Amino acid sequence: MNIIKRKERKNWFYSYNMIWDQPLSEHAKIAYLYLCRCADDKGQAFPSHATIAQKCSISRQTTINAINELKNAGLLSYKQRKDSSGSLTSNLYTIFDVSVLDKTQNENHPCPPIPSS
């Protein structure tokens, strides 16, 4: 079973300011922020579409559209996960701090871990 490793001790999370400068819908921005909040120390998260929708106060279809918008912008990648019987479970998202489509960057960086206090 996968466990999110990062634990916020002060009831806060880390995200990137660059998200506000991206030409994205408000739904994509809030979904990005929620995924950053869920991310472990490798910049990976795995909430379901239903969970993202509920936490972001949007519909499941709007969530799917927002995730696709973020993927197309190069701000995340995702991989479908399956359980031992082969049934689909939640996706595994990897969140990037810069667009992987940004030609000025030589590499992409997952969201960093929260500094320990």
C-alpha atoms as a PDB file:
ATOM      1  CA  MET A   1       0.000   0.000   0.000  1.00  0.00           C
ATOM      2  CA  ASN A   2       1.319   3.436  -0.923  1.00  0.00           C
ATOM      3  CA  ILE A   3       1.595   5.966   1.858  1.00  0.00           C
ATOM      4  CA  ILE A   4       2.193   9.661   1.390  1.00  0.00           C
ATOM      5  CA  LYS A   5       5.455  10.191   3.218  1.00  0.00           C
ATOM      6  CA  ARG A   6       5.430  13.919   3.761  1.00  0.00           C
ATOM      7  CA  LYS A   7       3.677  15.097   6.894  1.00  0.00           C
ATOM      8  CA  GLU A   8       2.967  18.770   7.413  1.00  0.00           C
ATOM      9  CA  ARG A   9       3.500  19.611  11.060  1.00  0.00           C
ATOM     10  CA  LYS A  10       2.291  23.187  10.900  1.00  0.00           C
ATOM     11  CA  ASN A  11      -0.837  22.631   8.841  1.00  0.00           C
ATOM     12  CA  TRP A  12       0.563  24.135   5.646  1.00  0.00           C
ATOM     13  CA  PHE A  13       2.029  22.974   2.338  1.00  0.00           C
ATOM     14  CA  TYR A  14       4.483  24.207  -0.275  1.00  0.00           C
ATOM     15  CA  SER A  15       3.708  25.133  -3.856  1.00  0.00           C
ATOM     16  CA  TYR A  16       5.257  27.294  -6.555  1.00  0.00           C
ATOM     17  CA  ASN A  17       4.419  30.923  -7.249  1.00  0.00           C
ATOM     18  CA  MET A  18       4.775  30.262 -10.978  1.00  0.00           C
ATOM     19  CA  ILE A  19       1.337  28.615 -11.033  1.00  0.00           C
ATOM     20  CA  TRP A  20      -0.284  32.085 -10.864  1.00  0.00           C
ATOM     21  CA  ASP A  21       1.543  33.161 -14.038  1.00  0.00           C
ATOM     22  CA  GLN A  22       0.438  30.184 -16.116  1.00  0.00           C
ATOM     23  CA  PRO A  23      -2.314  30.550 -18.745  1.00  0.00           C
ATOM     24  CA  LEU A  24      -4.480  27.950 -17.004  1.00  0.00           C
ATOM     25  CA  SER A  25      -8.081  27.824 -15.873  1.00  0.00           C
ATOM     26  CA  GLU A  26      -8.873  28.399 -12.212  1.00  0.00           C
ATOM     27  CA  HIS A  27      -9.817  24.729 -11.974  1.00  0.00           C
ATOM     28  CA  ALA A  28      -6.410  23.598 -13.229  1.00  0.00           C
ATOM     29  CA  LYS A  29      -4.662  25.922 -10.772  1.00  0.00           C
ATOM     30  CA  ILE A  30      -6.644  24.686  -7.768  1.00  0.00           C
ATOM     31  CA  ALA A  31      -6.140  21.049  -8.828  1.00  0.00           C
ATOM     32  CA  TYR A  32      -2.375  21.704  -9.132  1.00  0.00           C
ATOM     33  CA  LEU A  33      -2.308  23.213  -5.653  1.00  0.00           C
ATOM     34  CA  TYR A  34      -4.239  20.283  -4.230  1.00  0.00           C
ATOM     35  CA  LEU A  35      -1.878  17.789  -5.871  1.00  0.00           C
ATOM     36  CA  CYS A  36       1.110  19.685  -4.430  1.00  0.00           C
ATOM     37  CA  ARG A  37      -0.542  19.459  -1.026  1.00  0.00           C
ATOM     38  CA  CYS A  38      -0.844  15.677  -1.421  1.00  0.00           C
ATOM     39  CA  ALA A  39       2.618  15.122  -2.886  1.00  0.00           C
ATOM     40  CA  ASP A  40       5.267  13.073  -1.145  1.00  0.00           C
ATOM     41  CA  ASP A  41       8.982  13.868  -1.047  1.00  0.00           C
ATOM     42  CA  LYS A  42       9.303  12.706  -4.683  1.00  0.00           C
ATOM     43  CA  GLY A  43       6.626  15.109  -5.925  1.00  0.00           C
ATOM     44  CA  GLN A  44       4.159  12.267  -6.413  1.00  0.00           C
ATOM     45  CA  ALA A  45       0.536  11.994  -5.333  1.00  0.00           C
ATOM     46  CA  PHE A  46      -2.264   9.544  -6.008  1.00  0.00           C
ATOM     47  CA  PRO A  47      -5.683  10.935  -5.031  1.00  0.00           C
ATOM     48  CA  SER A  48      -8.650   9.710  -7.061  1.00  0.00           C
ATOM     49  CA  HIS A  49     -10.571  11.983  -9.427  1.00  0.00           C
ATOM     50  CA  ALA A  50     -13.454  11.853  -6.952  1.00  0.00           C
ATOM     51  CA  THR A  51     -11.231  12.992  -4.076  1.00  0.00           C
ATOM     52  CA  ILE A  52      -9.692  15.820  -6.098  1.00  0.00           C
ATOM     53  CA  ALA A  53     -13.176  16.912  -7.166  1.00  0.00           C
ATOM     54  CA  GLN A  54     -14.501  16.879  -3.620  1.00  0.00           C
ATOM     55  CA  LYS A  55     -11.527  18.699  -2.086  1.00  0.00           C
ATOM     56  CA  CYS A  56     -11.446  21.324  -4.856  1.00  0.00           C
ATOM     57  CA  SER A  57     -15.253  21.796  -4.888  1.00  0.00           C
ATOM     58  CA  ILE A  58     -15.522  20.944  -8.570  1.00  0.00           C
ATOM     59  CA  SER A  59     -17.156  18.137 -10.532  1.00  0.00           C
ATOM     60  CA  ARG A  60     -15.383  14.914 -11.438  1.00  0.00           C
ATOM     61  CA  GLN A  61     -15.490  15.850 -15.151  1.00  0.00           C
ATOM     62  CA  THR A  62     -14.051  19.298 -14.391  1.00  0.00           C
ATOM     63  CA  THR A  63     -11.298  17.528 -12.434  1.00  0.00           C
ATOM     64  CA  ILE A  64     -10.483  15.322 -15.414  1.00  0.00           C
ATOM     65  CA  ASN A  65     -10.399  18.391 -17.677  1.00  0.00           C
ATOM     66  CA  ALA A  66      -8.133  20.238 -15.209  1.00  0.00           C
ATOM     67  CA  ILE A  67      -5.733  17.273 -14.974  1.00  0.00           C
ATOM     68  CA  ASN A  68      -5.557  17.091 -18.773  1.00  0.00           C
ATOM     69  CA  GLU A  69      -4.936  20.839 -18.929  1.00  0.00           C
ATOM     70  CA  LEU A  70      -2.035  20.488 -16.466  1.00  0.00           C
ATOM     71  CA  LYS A  71      -0.640  17.522 -18.384  1.00  0.00           C
ATOM     72  CA  ASN A  72      -0.851  19.425 -21.680  1.00  0.00           C
ATOM     73  CA  ALA A  73       0.908  22.387 -20.039  1.00  0.00           C
ATOM     74  CA  GLY A  74       3.721  20.058 -18.950  1.00  0.00           C
ATOM     75  CA  LEU A  75       3.142  20.669 -15.236  1.00  0.00           C
ATOM     76  CA  LEU A  76       2.405  17.060 -14.366  1.00  0.00           C
ATOM     77  CA  SER A  77       2.534  13.571 -15.708  1.00  0.00           C
ATOM     78  CA  TYR A  78       0.395  10.664 -14.656  1.00  0.00           C
ATOM     79  CA  LYS A  79       0.380   6.929 -14.875  1.00  0.00           C
ATOM     80  CA  GLN A  80      -2.628   4.667 -14.431  1.00  0.00           C
ATOM     81  CA  ARG A  81      -2.226   2.259 -11.551  1.00  0.00           C
ATOM     82  CA  LYS A  82      -3.758  -1.174 -11.171  1.00  0.00           C
ATOM     83  CA  ASP A  83      -4.343  -3.369  -8.163  1.00  0.00           C
ATOM     84  CA  SER A  84      -3.255  -7.012  -7.937  1.00  0.00           C
ATOM     85  CA  SER A  85      -6.371  -8.153  -9.821  1.00  0.00           C
ATOM     86  CA  GLY A  86      -5.678  -5.767 -12.709  1.00  0.00           C
ATOM     87  CA  SER A  87      -8.472  -3.324 -11.871  1.00  0.00           C
ATOM     88  CA  LEU A  88      -7.714   0.351 -12.265  1.00  0.00           C
ATOM     89  CA  THR A  89      -7.112   2.346  -9.098  1.00  0.00           C
ATOM     90  CA  SER A  90      -6.173   6.016  -8.749  1.00  0.00           C
ATOM     91  CA  ASN A  91      -3.583   7.580 -11.040  1.00  0.00           C
ATOM     92  CA  LEU A  92      -0.046   8.281  -9.860  1.00  0.00           C
ATOM     93  CA  TYR A  93       0.703  11.964 -10.532  1.00  0.00           C
ATOM     94  CA  THR A  94       4.181  13.483 -10.698  1.00  0.00           C
ATOM     95  CA  ILE A  95       4.050  17.251 -10.228  1.00  0.00           C
ATOM     96  CA  PHE A  96       6.622  19.552 -11.816  1.00  0.00           C
ATOM     97  CA  ASP A  97       7.658  23.026 -10.709  1.00  0.00           C
ATOM     98  CA  VAL A  98       8.252  24.166 -14.291  1.00  0.00           C
ATOM     99  CA  SER A  99       6.619  23.082 -17.477  1.00  0.00           C
ATOM    100  CA  VAL A 100       8.404  20.155 -19.104  1.00  0.00           C
ATOM    101  CA  LEU A 101       7.417  21.905 -22.317  1.00  0.00           C
ATOM    102  CA  ASP A 102       9.436  25.015 -21.348  1.00  0.00           C
ATOM    103  CA  LYS A 103      12.355  24.946 -23.782  1.00  0.00           C
ATOM    104  CA  THR A 104      14.443  27.241 -21.547  1.00  0.00           C
ATOM    105  CA  GLN A 105      14.707  24.566 -18.854  1.00  0.00           C
ATOM    106  CA  ASN A 106      17.129  21.684 -19.238  1.00  0.00           C
ATOM    107  CA  GLU A 107      15.322  19.437 -16.778  1.00  0.00           C
ATOM    108  CA  ASN A 108      12.096  19.249 -14.855  1.00  0.00           C
ATOM    109  CA  HIS A 109      11.993  19.236 -11.095  1.00  0.00           C
ATOM    110  CA  PRO A 110       9.397  17.545  -8.921  1.00  0.00           C
ATOM    111  CA  CYS A 111       7.921  19.621  -6.126  1.00  0.00           C
ATOM    112  CA  PRO A 112      10.513  19.649  -3.335  1.00  0.00           C
ATOM    113  CA  PRO A 113       9.926  18.168   0.076  1.00  0.00           C
ATOM    114  CA  ILE A 114       8.739  20.429   2.850  1.00  0.00           C
ATOM    115  CA  PRO A 115      11.691  21.524   4.980  1.00  0.00           C
ATOM    116  CA  SER A 116      11.836  19.716   8.309  1.00  0.00           C
ATOM    117  CA  SER A 117      11.297  21.824  11.376  1.00  0.00           C
END
